[in-house]
């Protein structure tokens, strides 16, 4: 079968969110445990990671809603 991005989105959105979550947790643990930085400073000083997690969460929820409520990600013959 030829490659289908819609099939990948339909099947792998959980894996995408897991990667986003694990990367964020590793960064948070490194800063909190490794560097002893308080969580308030982590959010205030390094805003990239909370925004990365928020964007990943929004993407996950949008794909999940599309998958559950529409047939946009359904490819005939798969």
PDB file of N, CA and C in Angstrom:
ATOM      1  N   UNK A   1       0.840  -1.184   0.000  1.00  0.00           N
ATOM      2  CA  UNK A   1       0.000   0.000   0.000  1.00  0.00           C
ATOM      3  C   UNK A   1       0.886   1.249   0.000  1.00  0.00           C
ATOM      4  N   UNK A   2       0.481   2.288  -0.688  1.00  0.00           N
ATOM      5  CA  UNK A   2       1.258   3.526  -0.665  1.00  0.00           C
ATOM      6  C   UNK A   2       1.124   4.236   0.687  1.00  0.00           C
ATOM      7  N   UNK A   3       2.108   5.071   0.983  1.00  0.00           N
ATOM      8  CA  UNK A   3       2.110   5.834   2.227  1.00  0.00           C
ATOM      9  C   UNK A   3       0.909   6.778   2.283  1.00  0.00           C
ATOM     10  N   UNK A   4       0.261   6.839   3.446  1.00  0.00           N
ATOM     11  CA  UNK A   4      -0.894   7.712   3.630  1.00  0.00           C
ATOM     12  C   UNK A   4      -0.726   8.502   4.939  1.00  0.00           C
ATOM     13  N   UNK A   5      -0.492   9.813   4.837  1.00  0.00           N
ATOM     14  CA  UNK A   5      -0.368  10.622   6.051  1.00  0.00           C
ATOM     15  C   UNK A   5      -1.624  10.582   6.921  1.00  0.00           C
ATOM     16  N   UNK A   6      -2.783  10.477   6.299  1.00  0.00           N
ATOM     17  CA  UNK A   6      -4.026  10.404   7.074  1.00  0.00           C
ATOM     18  C   UNK A   6      -4.060   9.144   7.939  1.00  0.00           C
ATOM     19  N   UNK A   7      -3.572   8.033   7.400  1.00  0.00           N
ATOM     20  CA  UNK A   7      -3.526   6.798   8.182  1.00  0.00           C
ATOM     21  C   UNK A   7      -2.553   6.937   9.347  1.00  0.00           C
ATOM     22  N   UNK A   8      -1.425   7.577   9.110  1.00  0.00           N
ATOM     23  CA  UNK A   8      -0.449   7.791  10.186  1.00  0.00           C
ATOM     24  C   UNK A   8      -1.073   8.647  11.288  1.00  0.00           C
ATOM     25  N   UNK A   9      -1.740   9.734  10.931  1.00  0.00           N
ATOM     26  CA  UNK A   9      -2.388  10.577  11.942  1.00  0.00           C
ATOM     27  C   UNK A   9      -3.456   9.808  12.709  1.00  0.00           C
ATOM     28  N   UNK A  10      -4.214   8.992  11.998  1.00  0.00           N
ATOM     29  CA  UNK A  10      -5.291   8.233  12.648  1.00  0.00           C
ATOM     30  C   UNK A  10      -4.740   7.208  13.626  1.00  0.00           C
ATOM     31  N   UNK A  11      -3.624   6.602  13.291  1.00  0.00           N
ATOM     32  CA  UNK A  11      -3.110   5.508  14.121  1.00  0.00           C
ATOM     33  C   UNK A  11      -2.074   5.928  15.159  1.00  0.00           C
ATOM     34  N   UNK A  12      -1.320   6.982  14.917  1.00  0.00           N
ATOM     35  CA  UNK A  12      -0.151   7.274  15.739  1.00  0.00           C
ATOM     36  C   UNK A  12      -0.261   8.532  16.588  1.00  0.00           C
ATOM     37  N   UNK A  13      -1.435   9.074  16.770  1.00  0.00           N
ATOM     38  CA  UNK A  13      -1.524  10.306  17.538  1.00  0.00           C
ATOM     39  C   UNK A  13      -1.220  10.087  19.015  1.00  0.00           C
ATOM     40  N   UNK A  14      -1.470   8.899  19.543  1.00  0.00           N
ATOM     41  CA  UNK A  14      -1.103   8.596  20.934  1.00  0.00           C
ATOM     42  C   UNK A  14       0.415   8.594  21.098  1.00  0.00           C
ATOM     43  N   UNK A  15       1.115   8.004  20.130  1.00  0.00           N
ATOM     44  CA  UNK A  15       2.576   7.972  20.177  1.00  0.00           C
ATOM     45  C   UNK A  15       3.180   9.364  20.115  1.00  0.00           C
ATOM     46  N   UNK A  16       2.608  10.232  19.288  1.00  0.00           N
ATOM     47  CA  UNK A  16       3.047  11.625  19.211  1.00  0.00           C
ATOM     48  C   UNK A  16       2.929  12.290  20.580  1.00  0.00           C
ATOM     49  N   UNK A  17       1.796  12.124  21.227  1.00  0.00           N
ATOM     50  CA  UNK A  17       1.580  12.774  22.518  1.00  0.00           C
ATOM     51  C   UNK A  17       2.490  12.183  23.592  1.00  0.00           C
ATOM     52  N   UNK A  18       2.758  10.910  23.514  1.00  0.00           N
ATOM     53  CA  UNK A  18       3.678  10.286  24.458  1.00  0.00           C
ATOM     54  C   UNK A  18       5.080  10.874  24.325  1.00  0.00           C
ATOM     55  N   UNK A  19       5.530  11.084  23.108  1.00  0.00           N
ATOM     56  CA  UNK A  19       6.851  11.682  22.882  1.00  0.00           C
ATOM     57  C   UNK A  19       6.894  13.097  23.448  1.00  0.00           C
ATOM     58  N   UNK A  20       5.864  13.892  23.182  1.00  0.00           N
ATOM     59  CA  UNK A  20       5.801  15.258  23.709  1.00  0.00           C
ATOM     60  C   UNK A  20       5.842  15.242  25.236  1.00  0.00           C
ATOM     61  N   UNK A  21       5.062  14.357  25.853  1.00  0.00           N
ATOM     62  CA  UNK A  21       4.995  14.272  27.304  1.00  0.00           C
ATOM     63  C   UNK A  21       6.326  13.833  27.905  1.00  0.00           C
ATOM     64  N   UNK A  22       6.940  12.812  27.338  1.00  0.00           N
ATOM     65  CA  UNK A  22       8.206  12.299  27.873  1.00  0.00           C
ATOM     66  C   UNK A  22       9.311  13.351  27.757  1.00  0.00           C
ATOM     67  N   UNK A  23       9.398  14.023  26.625  1.00  0.00           N
ATOM     68  CA  UNK A  23      10.412  15.066  26.475  1.00  0.00           C
ATOM     69  C   UNK A  23      10.213  16.188  27.489  1.00  0.00           C
ATOM     70  N   UNK A  24       8.976  16.572  27.719  1.00  0.00           N
ATOM     71  CA  UNK A  24       8.692  17.626  28.696  1.00  0.00           C
ATOM     72  C   UNK A  24       9.028  17.168  30.111  1.00  0.00           C
ATOM     73  N   UNK A  25       8.679  15.945  30.458  1.00  0.00           N
ATOM     74  CA  UNK A  25       8.975  15.420  31.795  1.00  0.00           C
ATOM     75  C   UNK A  25      10.484  15.306  32.005  1.00  0.00           C
ATOM     76  N   UNK A  26      11.220  14.857  31.004  1.00  0.00           N
ATOM     77  CA  UNK A  26      12.677  14.762  31.127  1.00  0.00           C
ATOM     78  C   UNK A  26      13.287  16.148  31.346  1.00  0.00           C
ATOM     79  N   UNK A  27      12.839  17.130  30.582  1.00  0.00           N
ATOM     80  CA  UNK A  27      13.346  18.497  30.755  1.00  0.00           C
ATOM     81  C   UNK A  27      13.000  19.041  32.135  1.00  0.00           C
ATOM     82  N   UNK A  28      11.775  18.807  32.580  1.00  0.00           N
ATOM     83  CA  UNK A  28      11.349  19.265  33.895  1.00  0.00           C
ATOM     84  C   UNK A  28      12.167  18.585  34.994  1.00  0.00           C
ATOM     85  N   UNK A  29      12.340  17.281  34.909  1.00  0.00           N
ATOM     86  CA  UNK A  29      13.110  16.551  35.917  1.00  0.00           C
ATOM     87  C   UNK A  29      14.562  16.996  35.937  1.00  0.00           C
ATOM     88  N   UNK A  30      15.132  17.241  34.773  1.00  0.00           N
ATOM     89  CA  UNK A  30      16.514  17.703  34.704  1.00  0.00           C
ATOM     90  C   UNK A  30      16.675  19.044  35.405  1.00  0.00           C
ATOM     91  N   UNK A  31      15.744  19.944  35.160  1.00  0.00           N
ATOM     92  CA  UNK A  31      15.834  21.261  35.789  1.00  0.00           C
ATOM     93  C   UNK A  31      15.531  21.207  37.286  1.00  0.00           C
ATOM     94  N   UNK A  32      14.516  20.461  37.676  1.00  0.00           N
ATOM     95  CA  UNK A  32      14.120  20.429  39.081  1.00  0.00           C
ATOM     96  C   UNK A  32      15.086  19.617  39.936  1.00  0.00           C
ATOM     97  N   UNK A  33      15.449  18.440  39.467  1.00  0.00           N
ATOM     98  CA  UNK A  33      16.302  17.547  40.252  1.00  0.00           C
ATOM     99  C   UNK A  33      17.782  17.829  40.003  1.00  0.00           C
ATOM    100  N   UNK A  34      18.150  17.904  38.732  1.00  0.00           N
ATOM    101  CA  UNK A  34      19.556  18.075  38.383  1.00  0.00           C
ATOM    102  C   UNK A  34      20.108  19.437  38.738  1.00  0.00           C
ATOM    103  N   UNK A  35      19.334  20.484  38.503  1.00  0.00           N
ATOM    104  CA  UNK A  35      19.812  21.840  38.749  1.00  0.00           C
ATOM    105  C   UNK A  35      19.210  22.462  39.996  1.00  0.00           C
ATOM    106  N   UNK A  36      18.235  21.807  40.620  1.00  0.00           N
ATOM    107  CA  UNK A  36      17.606  22.316  41.838  1.00  0.00           C
ATOM    108  C   UNK A  36      16.783  23.575  41.622  1.00  0.00           C
ATOM    109  N   UNK A  37      16.272  23.755  40.459  1.00  0.00           N
ATOM    110  CA  UNK A  37      15.500  24.943  40.107  1.00  0.00           C
ATOM    111  C   UNK A  37      14.047  24.779  40.556  1.00  0.00           C
ATOM    112  N   UNK A  38      13.477  25.772  41.235  1.00  0.00           N
ATOM    113  CA  UNK A  38      12.058  25.670  41.623  1.00  0.00           C
ATOM    114  C   UNK A  38      11.152  25.657  40.392  1.00  0.00           C
ATOM    115  N   UNK A  39       9.996  25.025  40.526  1.00  0.00           N
ATOM    116  CA  UNK A  39       9.103  24.880  39.375  1.00  0.00           C
ATOM    117  C   UNK A  39       8.601  26.231  38.870  1.00  0.00           C
ATOM    118  N   UNK A  40       8.407  27.181  39.746  1.00  0.00           N
ATOM    119  CA  UNK A  40       7.982  28.505  39.311  1.00  0.00           C
ATOM    120  C   UNK A  40       9.004  29.162  38.398  1.00  0.00           C
ATOM    121  N   UNK A  41      10.293  28.973  38.719  1.00  0.00           N
ATOM    122  CA  UNK A  41      11.351  29.514  37.866  1.00  0.00           C
ATOM    123  C   UNK A  41      11.405  28.776  36.540  1.00  0.00           C
ATOM    124  N   UNK A  42      11.134  27.473  36.562  1.00  0.00           N
ATOM    125  CA  UNK A  42      11.160  26.687  35.324  1.00  0.00           C
ATOM    126  C   UNK A  42      10.112  27.197  34.352  1.00  0.00           C
ATOM    127  N   UNK A  43       8.931  27.471  34.860  1.00  0.00           N
ATOM    128  CA  UNK A  43       7.852  27.950  33.997  1.00  0.00           C
ATOM    129  C   UNK A  43       8.127  29.384  33.543  1.00  0.00           C
ATOM    130  N   UNK A  44       8.627  30.220  34.457  1.00  0.00           N
ATOM    131  CA  UNK A  44       8.845  31.629  34.143  1.00  0.00           C
ATOM    132  C   UNK A  44      10.050  31.839  33.221  1.00  0.00           C
ATOM    133  N   UNK A  45      11.166  31.152  33.507  1.00  0.00           N
ATOM    134  CA  UNK A  45      12.410  31.376  32.769  1.00  0.00           C
ATOM    135  C   UNK A  45      12.480  30.625  31.452  1.00  0.00           C
ATOM    136  N   UNK A  46      11.950  29.432  31.432  1.00  0.00           N
ATOM    137  CA  UNK A  46      12.075  28.581  30.247  1.00  0.00           C
ATOM    138  C   UNK A  46      10.687  28.282  29.706  1.00  0.00           C
ATOM    139  N   UNK A  47      10.065  29.271  29.103  1.00  0.00           N
ATOM    140  CA  UNK A  47       8.683  29.160  28.657  1.00  0.00           C
ATOM    141  C   UNK A  47       8.523  28.251  27.436  1.00  0.00           C
ATOM    142  N   UNK A  48       9.627  27.910  26.777  1.00  0.00           N
ATOM    143  CA  UNK A  48       9.542  27.071  25.578  1.00  0.00           C
ATOM    144  C   UNK A  48       8.934  25.707  25.877  1.00  0.00           C
ATOM    145  N   UNK A  49       9.324  25.079  26.972  1.00  0.00           N
ATOM    146  CA  UNK A  49       8.845  23.729  27.270  1.00  0.00           C
ATOM    147  C   UNK A  49       7.368  23.680  27.658  1.00  0.00           C
ATOM    148  N   UNK A  50       6.893  24.566  28.520  1.00  0.00           N
ATOM    149  CA  UNK A  50       5.443  24.554  28.774  1.00  0.00           C
ATOM    150  C   UNK A  50       4.625  24.834  27.507  1.00  0.00           C
ATOM    151  N   UNK A  51       5.103  25.726  26.645  1.00  0.00           N
ATOM    152  CA  UNK A  51       4.397  26.002  25.392  1.00  0.00           C
ATOM    153  C   UNK A  51       4.451  24.801  24.454  1.00  0.00           C
ATOM    154  N   UNK A  52       5.592  24.099  24.432  1.00  0.00           N
ATOM    155  CA  UNK A  52       5.741  22.879  23.642  1.00  0.00           C
ATOM    156  C   UNK A  52       4.717  21.840  24.096  1.00  0.00           C
ATOM    157  N   UNK A  53       4.592  21.671  25.410  1.00  0.00           N
ATOM    158  CA  UNK A  53       3.634  20.708  25.956  1.00  0.00           C
ATOM    159  C   UNK A  53       2.199  21.139  25.661  1.00  0.00           C
ATOM    160  N   UNK A  54       1.909  22.421  25.814  1.00  0.00           N
ATOM    161  CA  UNK A  54       0.571  22.928  25.531  1.00  0.00           C
ATOM    162  C   UNK A  54       0.211  22.739  24.057  1.00  0.00           C
ATOM    163  N   UNK A  55       1.142  23.062  23.160  1.00  0.00           N
ATOM    164  CA  UNK A  55       0.895  22.880  21.722  1.00  0.00           C
ATOM    165  C   UNK A  55       0.682  21.401  21.398  1.00  0.00           C
ATOM    166  N   UNK A  56       1.494  20.523  21.995  1.00  0.00           N
ATOM    167  CA  UNK A  56       1.324  19.088  21.779  1.00  0.00           C
ATOM    168  C   UNK A  56      -0.023  18.591  22.269  1.00  0.00           C
ATOM    169  N   UNK A  57      -0.467  19.120  23.409  1.00  0.00           N
ATOM    170  CA  UNK A  57      -1.768  18.735  23.958  1.00  0.00           C
ATOM    171  C   UNK A  57      -2.905  19.187  23.045  1.00  0.00           C
ATOM    172  N   UNK A  58      -2.812  20.409  22.544  1.00  0.00           N
ATOM    173  CA  UNK A  58      -3.850  20.923  21.642  1.00  0.00           C
ATOM    174  C   UNK A  58      -3.900  20.096  20.361  1.00  0.00           C
ATOM    175  N   UNK A  59      -2.737  19.804  19.789  1.00  0.00           N
ATOM    176  CA  UNK A  59      -2.686  18.991  18.569  1.00  0.00           C
ATOM    177  C   UNK A  59      -3.288  17.616  18.825  1.00  0.00           C
ATOM    178  N   UNK A  60      -2.924  17.008  19.945  1.00  0.00           N
ATOM    179  CA  UNK A  60      -3.466  15.693  20.301  1.00  0.00           C
ATOM    180  C   UNK A  60      -4.989  15.732  20.403  1.00  0.00           C
ATOM    181  N   UNK A  61      -5.519  16.731  21.103  1.00  0.00           N
ATOM    182  CA  UNK A  61      -6.967  16.816  21.293  1.00  0.00           C
ATOM    183  C   UNK A  61      -7.693  17.087  19.979  1.00  0.00           C
ATOM    184  N   UNK A  62      -7.115  17.901  19.115  1.00  0.00           N
ATOM    185  CA  UNK A  62      -7.737  18.178  17.819  1.00  0.00           C
ATOM    186  C   UNK A  62      -7.774  16.909  16.962  1.00  0.00           C
ATOM    187  N   UNK A  63      -6.641  16.201  16.888  1.00  0.00           N
ATOM    188  CA  UNK A  63      -6.605  14.963  16.100  1.00  0.00           C
ATOM    189  C   UNK A  63      -7.563  13.935  16.682  1.00  0.00           C
ATOM    190  N   UNK A  64      -7.627  13.852  17.995  1.00  0.00           N
ATOM    191  CA  UNK A  64      -8.535  12.897  18.633  1.00  0.00           C
ATOM    192  C   UNK A  64      -9.990  13.225  18.305  1.00  0.00           C
ATOM    193  N   UNK A  65     -10.342  14.496  18.368  1.00  0.00           N
ATOM    194  CA  UNK A  65     -11.707  14.907  18.041  1.00  0.00           C
ATOM    195  C   UNK A  65     -12.022  14.626  16.570  1.00  0.00           C
ATOM    196  N   UNK A  66     -11.082  14.931  15.693  1.00  0.00           N
ATOM    197  CA  UNK A  66     -11.288  14.651  14.265  1.00  0.00           C
ATOM    198  C   UNK A  66     -11.476  13.161  14.046  1.00  0.00           C
ATOM    199  N   UNK A  67     -10.669  12.356  14.711  1.00  0.00           N
ATOM    200  CA  UNK A  67     -10.758  10.901  14.542  1.00  0.00           C
ATOM    201  C   UNK A  67     -12.090  10.356  15.068  1.00  0.00           C
ATOM    202  N   UNK A  68     -12.538  10.870  16.199  1.00  0.00           N
ATOM    203  CA  UNK A  68     -13.759  10.348  16.817  1.00  0.00           C
ATOM    204  C   UNK A  68     -15.048  10.879  16.170  1.00  0.00           C
ATOM    205  N   UNK A  69     -15.040  12.124  15.709  1.00  0.00           N
ATOM    206  CA  UNK A  69     -16.277  12.768  15.271  1.00  0.00           C
ATOM    207  C   UNK A  69     -16.453  12.846  13.754  1.00  0.00           C
ATOM    208  N   UNK A  70     -15.383  12.617  12.979  1.00  0.00           N
ATOM    209  CA  UNK A  70     -15.488  12.755  11.524  1.00  0.00           C
ATOM    210  C   UNK A  70     -14.905  11.520  10.839  1.00  0.00           C
ATOM    211  N   UNK A  71     -14.982  11.516   9.534  1.00  0.00           N
ATOM    212  CA  UNK A  71     -14.355  10.448   8.744  1.00  0.00           C
ATOM    213  C   UNK A  71     -13.203  11.001   7.907  1.00  0.00           C
ATOM    214  N   UNK A  72     -12.682  12.173   8.258  1.00  0.00           N
ATOM    215  CA  UNK A  72     -11.610  12.819   7.499  1.00  0.00           C
ATOM    216  C   UNK A  72     -10.347  11.967   7.422  1.00  0.00           C
ATOM    217  N   UNK A  73     -10.068  11.198   8.451  1.00  0.00           N
ATOM    218  CA  UNK A  73      -8.831  10.417   8.488  1.00  0.00           C
ATOM    219  C   UNK A  73      -9.000   8.985   8.000  1.00  0.00           C
ATOM    220  N   UNK A  74     -10.178   8.645   7.531  1.00  0.00           N
ATOM    221  CA  UNK A  74     -10.435   7.296   7.034  1.00  0.00           C
ATOM    222  C   UNK A  74      -9.988   7.232   5.573  1.00  0.00           C
ATOM    223  N   UNK A  75      -9.176   6.231   5.270  1.00  0.00           N
ATOM    224  CA  UNK A  75      -8.709   6.016   3.896  1.00  0.00           C
ATOM    225  C   UNK A  75      -9.329   4.708   3.413  1.00  0.00           C
ATOM    226  N   UNK A  76      -9.961   4.749   2.277  1.00  0.00           N
ATOM    227  CA  UNK A  76     -10.613   3.556   1.733  1.00  0.00           C
ATOM    228  C   UNK A  76      -9.592   2.455   1.481  1.00  0.00           C
ATOM    229  N   UNK A  77      -9.932   1.247   1.858  1.00  0.00           N
ATOM    230  CA  UNK A  77      -9.066   0.107   1.635  1.00  0.00           C
ATOM    231  C   UNK A  77      -8.065  -0.153   2.748  1.00  0.00           C
ATOM    232  N   UNK A  78      -8.169   0.594   3.846  1.00  0.00           N
ATOM    233  CA  UNK A  78      -7.237   0.392   4.957  1.00  0.00           C
ATOM    234  C   UNK A  78      -7.987   0.043   6.215  1.00  0.00           C
TER     235      UNK A  78
END
